[in-house]
Structures are given as structure tokens and as C-alpha cells.
């Protein structure tokens, strides 16, 4: 897995299991850890893509973080991928909702955007944040 990232988006879902399926099957993430409570809801999950990671869990667990995030709106997460068109084709084949097809950007990146079932926008592209050029 390599070095852990210093920044890690954390999302809450009504149906965390469906979110994990979308992220792994359509977008190619790896589910590194998935913990469930006695009620079967996901209390904590960690998924990786390249050297990046996202954490997620079910809404309604009443953990301190869950209570603080109550009422939070959707989030946007950007993921750098090598082949945008291939990644997009995989997502389409697995039923992901595409909100912007692969598009060449003025700043040199090629990106596409998808929305998960709970409104979060996932952007995938070739732009490398922080890279100097």
C-alpha cells in the first residue's frame, strides 16, 4: 500500500455498502478495510486508489463524527487517473451516473465527472495537484 496520505476525504452515506460497491466496481478503488456494526451498517471503511485514500461510513451511527456531519451536503473528490477514457468506459459499463464525459480542459488535463447515488461528485482526470511544470 505504500505511505499513508496526509489528507484523506471522509464521507458519510445512507447506504455505505452501495457506495463501496460503486467505488470498487465502477471506479477501481480497493476496499482495504470495511468494519460493520452489529446492525450491519458500515461503521468505518478505507478505500484506496493509487497512493490516495478515502474513508467512509454509514450515516446514523451516532458516533461523534456522524453527529457533527449531520446535515452536511454532498462533497466533491478529485482522483488522478492515467487513462481517463478507459476509466470512464469502466464506470459507464458498471452503470455510474456520468455528469460530464471525458473533456480536454484549458489547463491541460483530461477529466470526467460522475455523481454517486447520494449526490457526491467524483472527478477523474490527468491533472496532478501540486505538480510543478
N, C-alpha and C. Protein backbone atom coordinates (compact mmCIF):
# COMPACT_ATOMS: atom_id res chain seq x y z
N UNK A 1 0.81 -1.20 0.00
CA UNK A 1 0.00 0.00 0.00
C UNK A 1 0.85 1.26 0.00
N UNK A 2 2.08 1.20 0.48
CA UNK A 2 2.92 2.38 0.47
C UNK A 2 2.60 3.31 1.63
N UNK A 3 3.12 4.54 1.51
CA UNK A 3 2.95 5.54 2.56
C UNK A 3 1.51 6.03 2.62
N UNK A 4 1.02 6.23 3.82
CA UNK A 4 -0.33 6.74 4.01
C UNK A 4 -0.39 8.21 3.59
N UNK A 5 -1.51 8.62 2.97
CA UNK A 5 -1.64 10.03 2.59
C UNK A 5 -1.83 10.91 3.83
N UNK A 6 -1.43 12.16 3.71
CA UNK A 6 -1.59 13.09 4.82
C UNK A 6 -2.98 13.71 4.85
N UNK A 7 -3.69 13.71 3.74
CA UNK A 7 -5.05 14.23 3.67
C UNK A 7 -5.95 13.13 3.12
N UNK A 8 -7.08 12.95 3.77
CA UNK A 8 -7.97 11.85 3.40
C UNK A 8 -9.42 12.31 3.50
N UNK A 9 -10.12 12.48 2.35
CA UNK A 9 -11.54 12.84 2.42
C UNK A 9 -12.32 11.78 3.20
N UNK A 10 -13.33 12.23 3.94
CA UNK A 10 -14.16 11.33 4.74
C UNK A 10 -15.62 11.65 4.44
N UNK A 11 -16.36 10.65 3.99
CA UNK A 11 -17.74 10.84 3.55
C UNK A 11 -18.69 9.96 4.37
N UNK A 12 -19.93 10.42 4.50
CA UNK A 12 -20.98 9.66 5.18
C UNK A 12 -22.05 9.32 4.16
N UNK A 13 -22.61 8.12 4.24
CA UNK A 13 -23.61 7.65 3.30
C UNK A 13 -24.78 7.00 4.03
N UNK A 14 -25.99 7.21 3.49
CA UNK A 14 -27.16 6.44 3.95
C UNK A 14 -26.94 4.96 3.64
N UNK A 15 -26.37 4.67 2.46
CA UNK A 15 -26.10 3.29 2.05
C UNK A 15 -24.62 3.16 1.72
N UNK A 16 -23.81 3.01 2.76
CA UNK A 16 -22.37 2.93 2.59
C UNK A 16 -21.95 1.70 1.79
N UNK A 17 -22.69 0.61 1.92
CA UNK A 17 -22.34 -0.60 1.16
C UNK A 17 -22.50 -0.36 -0.34
N UNK A 18 -23.54 0.37 -0.75
CA UNK A 18 -23.72 0.71 -2.16
C UNK A 18 -22.60 1.63 -2.63
N UNK A 19 -22.19 2.56 -1.79
CA UNK A 19 -21.09 3.47 -2.15
C UNK A 19 -19.80 2.68 -2.35
N UNK A 20 -19.54 1.73 -1.47
CA UNK A 20 -18.33 0.90 -1.60
C UNK A 20 -18.38 0.10 -2.90
N UNK A 21 -19.55 -0.46 -3.23
CA UNK A 21 -19.67 -1.20 -4.50
C UNK A 21 -19.38 -0.31 -5.70
N UNK A 22 -19.94 0.91 -5.72
CA UNK A 22 -19.69 1.83 -6.82
C UNK A 22 -18.20 2.17 -6.91
N UNK A 23 -17.61 2.53 -5.78
CA UNK A 23 -16.21 2.94 -5.80
C UNK A 23 -15.28 1.80 -6.22
N UNK A 24 -15.56 0.59 -5.80
CA UNK A 24 -14.69 -0.53 -6.18
C UNK A 24 -14.99 -1.05 -7.58
N UNK A 25 -16.25 -1.28 -7.88
CA UNK A 25 -16.61 -1.90 -9.16
C UNK A 25 -16.53 -0.93 -10.33
N UNK A 26 -17.06 0.27 -10.18
CA UNK A 26 -17.10 1.21 -11.30
C UNK A 26 -15.85 2.07 -11.40
N UNK A 27 -15.26 2.42 -10.26
CA UNK A 27 -14.16 3.37 -10.28
C UNK A 27 -12.80 2.76 -9.95
N UNK A 28 -12.75 1.47 -9.63
CA UNK A 28 -11.47 0.80 -9.45
C UNK A 28 -10.76 1.00 -8.13
N UNK A 29 -11.48 1.48 -7.10
CA UNK A 29 -10.88 1.59 -5.78
C UNK A 29 -10.70 0.20 -5.19
N UNK A 30 -9.82 0.08 -4.20
CA UNK A 30 -9.63 -1.16 -3.45
C UNK A 30 -10.17 -0.94 -2.04
N UNK A 31 -11.04 -1.83 -1.59
CA UNK A 31 -11.55 -1.75 -0.21
C UNK A 31 -10.52 -2.39 0.69
N UNK A 32 -9.75 -1.56 1.39
CA UNK A 32 -8.68 -2.06 2.26
C UNK A 32 -9.19 -2.48 3.63
N UNK A 33 -10.26 -1.83 4.08
CA UNK A 33 -10.83 -2.17 5.39
C UNK A 33 -12.30 -1.77 5.39
N UNK A 34 -13.15 -2.67 5.84
CA UNK A 34 -14.58 -2.38 5.99
C UNK A 34 -15.02 -2.99 7.32
N UNK A 35 -15.47 -2.12 8.22
CA UNK A 35 -15.92 -2.58 9.53
C UNK A 35 -17.41 -2.31 9.66
N UNK A 36 -18.14 -3.32 10.12
CA UNK A 36 -19.59 -3.19 10.28
C UNK A 36 -19.96 -3.32 11.75
N UNK A 37 -21.01 -2.59 12.12
CA UNK A 37 -21.56 -2.72 13.47
C UNK A 37 -22.46 -3.93 13.53
N UNK A 38 -22.98 -4.21 14.71
CA UNK A 38 -23.88 -5.36 14.89
C UNK A 38 -25.12 -5.24 14.03
N UNK A 39 -25.51 -4.00 13.68
CA UNK A 39 -26.70 -3.80 12.86
C UNK A 39 -26.41 -3.96 11.36
N UNK A 40 -25.15 -4.25 11.00
CA UNK A 40 -24.79 -4.46 9.61
C UNK A 40 -24.40 -3.20 8.86
N UNK A 41 -24.54 -2.02 9.52
CA UNK A 41 -24.13 -0.78 8.86
C UNK A 41 -22.61 -0.64 8.92
N UNK A 42 -22.07 0.02 7.93
CA UNK A 42 -20.63 0.25 7.87
C UNK A 42 -20.27 1.35 8.88
N UNK A 43 -19.48 0.99 9.89
CA UNK A 43 -19.05 1.99 10.86
C UNK A 43 -17.83 2.74 10.35
N UNK A 44 -16.98 2.07 9.57
CA UNK A 44 -15.77 2.69 9.04
C UNK A 44 -15.26 1.85 7.88
N UNK A 45 -14.87 2.53 6.80
CA UNK A 45 -14.25 1.83 5.67
C UNK A 45 -13.13 2.70 5.14
N UNK A 46 -12.10 2.06 4.63
CA UNK A 46 -10.98 2.74 4.00
C UNK A 46 -10.78 2.13 2.62
N UNK A 47 -10.83 3.00 1.60
CA UNK A 47 -10.64 2.56 0.22
C UNK A 47 -9.47 3.33 -0.36
N UNK A 48 -8.69 2.66 -1.19
CA UNK A 48 -7.54 3.31 -1.78
C UNK A 48 -7.61 3.28 -3.30
N UNK A 49 -6.93 4.25 -3.88
CA UNK A 49 -6.75 4.32 -5.33
C UNK A 49 -5.37 4.92 -5.52
N UNK A 50 -4.45 4.16 -6.09
CA UNK A 50 -3.06 4.63 -6.20
C UNK A 50 -2.54 4.91 -4.81
N UNK A 51 -1.95 6.10 -4.61
CA UNK A 51 -1.44 6.44 -3.28
C UNK A 51 -2.44 7.29 -2.50
N UNK A 52 -3.68 7.38 -3.00
CA UNK A 52 -4.73 8.13 -2.31
C UNK A 52 -5.66 7.23 -1.54
N UNK A 53 -6.41 7.83 -0.66
CA UNK A 53 -7.31 7.06 0.19
C UNK A 53 -8.53 7.90 0.53
N UNK A 54 -9.67 7.24 0.68
CA UNK A 54 -10.89 7.89 1.15
C UNK A 54 -11.45 7.02 2.27
N UNK A 55 -12.01 7.66 3.28
CA UNK A 55 -12.67 6.93 4.35
C UNK A 55 -14.15 7.24 4.26
N UNK A 56 -14.97 6.27 4.63
CA UNK A 56 -16.41 6.50 4.61
C UNK A 56 -17.09 5.62 5.63
N UNK A 57 -18.33 5.96 5.90
CA UNK A 57 -19.12 5.19 6.84
C UNK A 57 -20.59 5.51 6.66
N UNK A 58 -21.41 4.78 7.39
CA UNK A 58 -22.86 4.95 7.32
C UNK A 58 -23.31 6.15 8.15
N UNK A 59 -24.30 6.85 7.62
CA UNK A 59 -24.97 7.88 8.42
C UNK A 59 -25.80 7.18 9.49
N UNK A 60 -26.04 7.87 10.59
CA UNK A 60 -26.93 7.33 11.62
C UNK A 60 -26.26 6.42 12.62
N UNK A 61 -24.93 6.38 12.64
CA UNK A 61 -24.25 5.53 13.62
C UNK A 61 -24.19 6.20 14.99
N UNK A 62 -24.45 7.51 15.01
CA UNK A 62 -24.42 8.33 16.23
C UNK A 62 -23.03 8.44 16.84
N UNK A 63 -21.97 8.17 16.05
CA UNK A 63 -20.63 8.47 16.53
C UNK A 63 -20.50 9.99 16.62
N UNK A 64 -19.49 10.47 17.28
CA UNK A 64 -19.29 11.92 17.38
C UNK A 64 -19.16 12.53 15.98
N UNK A 65 -18.35 11.89 15.10
CA UNK A 65 -18.17 12.41 13.74
C UNK A 65 -19.50 12.40 12.98
N UNK A 66 -20.26 11.33 13.11
CA UNK A 66 -21.56 11.24 12.44
C UNK A 66 -22.48 12.37 12.91
N UNK A 67 -22.51 12.64 14.19
CA UNK A 67 -23.36 13.72 14.71
C UNK A 67 -22.89 15.08 14.18
N UNK A 68 -21.59 15.30 14.11
CA UNK A 68 -21.06 16.56 13.61
C UNK A 68 -21.35 16.74 12.12
N UNK A 69 -21.40 15.66 11.36
CA UNK A 69 -21.62 15.72 9.92
C UNK A 69 -23.10 15.71 9.55
N UNK A 70 -23.99 15.55 10.51
CA UNK A 70 -25.42 15.51 10.24
C UNK A 70 -25.82 16.75 9.45
N UNK A 71 -26.52 16.56 8.37
CA UNK A 71 -26.98 17.67 7.55
C UNK A 71 -25.96 18.19 6.56
N UNK A 72 -24.76 17.62 6.55
CA UNK A 72 -23.74 18.08 5.60
C UNK A 72 -24.18 17.75 4.18
N UNK A 73 -23.85 18.62 3.26
CA UNK A 73 -24.20 18.40 1.85
C UNK A 73 -23.22 17.48 1.17
N UNK A 74 -23.43 17.29 -0.12
CA UNK A 74 -22.52 16.43 -0.88
C UNK A 74 -21.12 17.04 -0.95
N UNK A 75 -20.15 16.18 -1.22
CA UNK A 75 -18.76 16.60 -1.34
C UNK A 75 -18.28 16.34 -2.76
N UNK A 76 -17.17 16.93 -3.10
CA UNK A 76 -16.51 16.66 -4.37
C UNK A 76 -15.13 16.10 -4.09
N UNK A 77 -14.78 15.02 -4.80
CA UNK A 77 -13.48 14.39 -4.62
C UNK A 77 -12.83 14.25 -5.99
N UNK A 78 -11.55 14.63 -6.11
CA UNK A 78 -10.81 14.52 -7.36
C UNK A 78 -9.83 13.36 -7.24
N UNK A 79 -9.79 12.51 -8.28
CA UNK A 79 -8.89 11.35 -8.31
C UNK A 79 -8.10 11.41 -9.60
N UNK A 80 -6.77 11.37 -9.49
CA UNK A 80 -5.92 11.36 -10.68
C UNK A 80 -5.86 9.94 -11.24
N UNK A 81 -6.13 9.83 -12.53
CA UNK A 81 -6.06 8.55 -13.22
C UNK A 81 -5.16 8.68 -14.44
N UNK A 82 -4.60 7.58 -14.87
CA UNK A 82 -3.68 7.59 -16.01
C UNK A 82 -4.41 7.68 -17.33
N UNK A 83 -5.44 6.86 -17.50
CA UNK A 83 -6.17 6.79 -18.77
C UNK A 83 -7.64 7.14 -18.52
N UNK A 84 -7.98 8.40 -18.74
CA UNK A 84 -9.32 8.89 -18.44
C UNK A 84 -10.38 8.15 -19.25
N UNK A 85 -10.13 7.93 -20.54
CA UNK A 85 -11.13 7.30 -21.38
C UNK A 85 -11.39 5.85 -20.97
N UNK A 86 -10.35 5.13 -20.63
CA UNK A 86 -10.51 3.75 -20.18
C UNK A 86 -11.25 3.71 -18.84
N UNK A 87 -10.87 4.61 -17.94
CA UNK A 87 -11.53 4.68 -16.62
C UNK A 87 -13.01 5.02 -16.79
N UNK A 88 -13.30 5.97 -17.66
CA UNK A 88 -14.68 6.38 -17.95
C UNK A 88 -15.47 5.20 -18.52
N UNK A 89 -14.89 4.47 -19.45
CA UNK A 89 -15.57 3.32 -20.06
C UNK A 89 -15.93 2.28 -19.00
N UNK A 90 -15.03 2.04 -18.05
CA UNK A 90 -15.32 1.09 -16.97
C UNK A 90 -16.49 1.58 -16.13
N UNK A 91 -16.48 2.88 -15.79
CA UNK A 91 -17.56 3.44 -14.97
C UNK A 91 -18.90 3.35 -15.70
N UNK A 92 -18.92 3.67 -16.98
CA UNK A 92 -20.16 3.60 -17.77
C UNK A 92 -20.66 2.16 -17.83
N UNK A 93 -19.75 1.22 -18.06
CA UNK A 93 -20.14 -0.19 -18.17
C UNK A 93 -20.75 -0.72 -16.88
N UNK A 94 -20.43 -0.10 -15.76
CA UNK A 94 -20.96 -0.54 -14.46
C UNK A 94 -22.07 0.37 -13.95
N UNK A 95 -22.59 1.21 -14.83
CA UNK A 95 -23.79 1.97 -14.50
C UNK A 95 -23.60 3.27 -13.74
N UNK A 96 -22.39 3.80 -13.67
CA UNK A 96 -22.18 5.05 -12.96
C UNK A 96 -22.89 6.20 -13.69
N UNK A 97 -23.40 7.16 -12.91
CA UNK A 97 -24.05 8.33 -13.48
C UNK A 97 -22.96 9.33 -13.89
N UNK A 98 -22.78 9.51 -15.17
CA UNK A 98 -21.77 10.43 -15.69
C UNK A 98 -22.42 11.80 -15.85
N UNK A 99 -21.82 12.82 -15.25
CA UNK A 99 -22.37 14.17 -15.36
C UNK A 99 -21.55 15.06 -16.29
N UNK A 100 -20.34 14.60 -16.65
CA UNK A 100 -19.54 15.26 -17.68
C UNK A 100 -18.67 14.20 -18.32
N UNK A 101 -18.79 14.00 -19.64
CA UNK A 101 -17.96 13.00 -20.30
C UNK A 101 -16.50 13.45 -20.33
N UNK A 102 -15.59 12.57 -20.73
CA UNK A 102 -14.18 12.97 -20.83
C UNK A 102 -14.05 14.23 -21.69
N UNK A 103 -13.40 15.22 -21.12
CA UNK A 103 -13.28 16.54 -21.74
C UNK A 103 -11.87 17.06 -21.56
N UNK A 104 -11.27 17.56 -22.65
CA UNK A 104 -9.96 18.20 -22.57
C UNK A 104 -10.15 19.59 -21.97
N UNK A 105 -9.38 19.88 -20.92
CA UNK A 105 -9.50 21.16 -20.22
C UNK A 105 -8.45 22.15 -20.72
N UNK A 106 -8.72 23.45 -20.56
CA UNK A 106 -7.79 24.50 -20.97
C UNK A 106 -6.44 24.39 -20.26
N UNK A 107 -6.45 23.86 -19.04
CA UNK A 107 -5.22 23.77 -18.25
C UNK A 107 -4.44 22.49 -18.51
N UNK A 108 -4.82 21.74 -19.57
CA UNK A 108 -4.04 20.59 -20.00
C UNK A 108 -4.49 19.24 -19.48
N UNK A 109 -5.47 19.20 -18.62
CA UNK A 109 -5.96 17.93 -18.08
C UNK A 109 -7.09 17.39 -18.95
N UNK A 110 -7.30 16.11 -18.87
CA UNK A 110 -8.48 15.47 -19.46
C UNK A 110 -9.25 14.89 -18.29
N UNK A 111 -10.51 15.29 -18.13
CA UNK A 111 -11.30 14.93 -16.96
C UNK A 111 -12.69 14.43 -17.35
N UNK A 112 -13.29 13.67 -16.44
CA UNK A 112 -14.73 13.41 -16.49
C UNK A 112 -15.25 13.45 -15.07
N UNK A 113 -16.58 13.62 -14.94
CA UNK A 113 -17.20 13.67 -13.63
C UNK A 113 -18.37 12.70 -13.55
N UNK A 114 -18.52 12.10 -12.38
CA UNK A 114 -19.64 11.20 -12.10
C UNK A 114 -20.24 11.60 -10.76
N UNK A 115 -21.51 11.26 -10.58
CA UNK A 115 -22.18 11.54 -9.30
C UNK A 115 -22.62 10.22 -8.71
N UNK A 116 -22.36 10.04 -7.41
CA UNK A 116 -22.82 8.81 -6.77
C UNK A 116 -24.28 8.96 -6.37
N UNK A 117 -24.87 7.90 -5.88
CA UNK A 117 -26.30 7.87 -5.58
C UNK A 117 -26.71 8.87 -4.51
N UNK A 118 -25.75 9.40 -3.74
CA UNK A 118 -26.09 10.33 -2.67
C UNK A 118 -25.61 11.75 -2.95
N UNK A 119 -25.28 12.01 -4.23
CA UNK A 119 -25.01 13.37 -4.67
C UNK A 119 -23.56 13.82 -4.65
N UNK A 120 -22.64 13.00 -4.16
CA UNK A 120 -21.23 13.37 -4.17
C UNK A 120 -20.71 13.33 -5.61
N UNK A 121 -19.90 14.30 -5.96
CA UNK A 121 -19.34 14.38 -7.32
C UNK A 121 -17.90 13.89 -7.28
N UNK A 122 -17.64 12.87 -8.10
CA UNK A 122 -16.31 12.27 -8.22
C UNK A 122 -15.74 12.70 -9.57
N UNK A 123 -14.62 13.44 -9.53
CA UNK A 123 -13.93 13.86 -10.74
C UNK A 123 -12.70 12.99 -10.94
N UNK A 124 -12.49 12.56 -12.17
CA UNK A 124 -11.34 11.73 -12.51
C UNK A 124 -10.62 12.39 -13.66
N UNK A 125 -9.31 12.56 -13.52
CA UNK A 125 -8.59 13.24 -14.58
C UNK A 125 -7.09 13.06 -14.49
N UNK A 126 -6.41 13.67 -15.46
CA UNK A 126 -4.96 13.53 -15.54
C UNK A 126 -4.21 14.64 -14.81
N UNK A 127 -4.92 15.66 -14.33
CA UNK A 127 -4.28 16.75 -13.60
C UNK A 127 -3.64 16.21 -12.34
N UNK A 128 -2.40 16.62 -12.07
CA UNK A 128 -1.69 16.18 -10.86
C UNK A 128 -1.57 17.37 -9.91
N UNK A 129 -2.47 17.49 -8.94
CA UNK A 129 -2.40 18.61 -7.99
C UNK A 129 -1.02 18.71 -7.33
N UNK A 130 -0.50 19.91 -7.30
CA UNK A 130 0.78 20.13 -6.63
C UNK A 130 2.00 19.89 -7.50
N UNK A 131 1.83 19.30 -8.68
CA UNK A 131 2.97 19.04 -9.55
C UNK A 131 3.44 20.35 -10.16
N UNK A 132 4.73 20.52 -10.22
CA UNK A 132 5.27 21.72 -10.84
C UNK A 132 5.62 21.39 -12.28
N UNK A 133 5.39 22.31 -13.15
CA UNK A 133 5.61 22.01 -14.55
C UNK A 133 6.12 23.12 -15.27
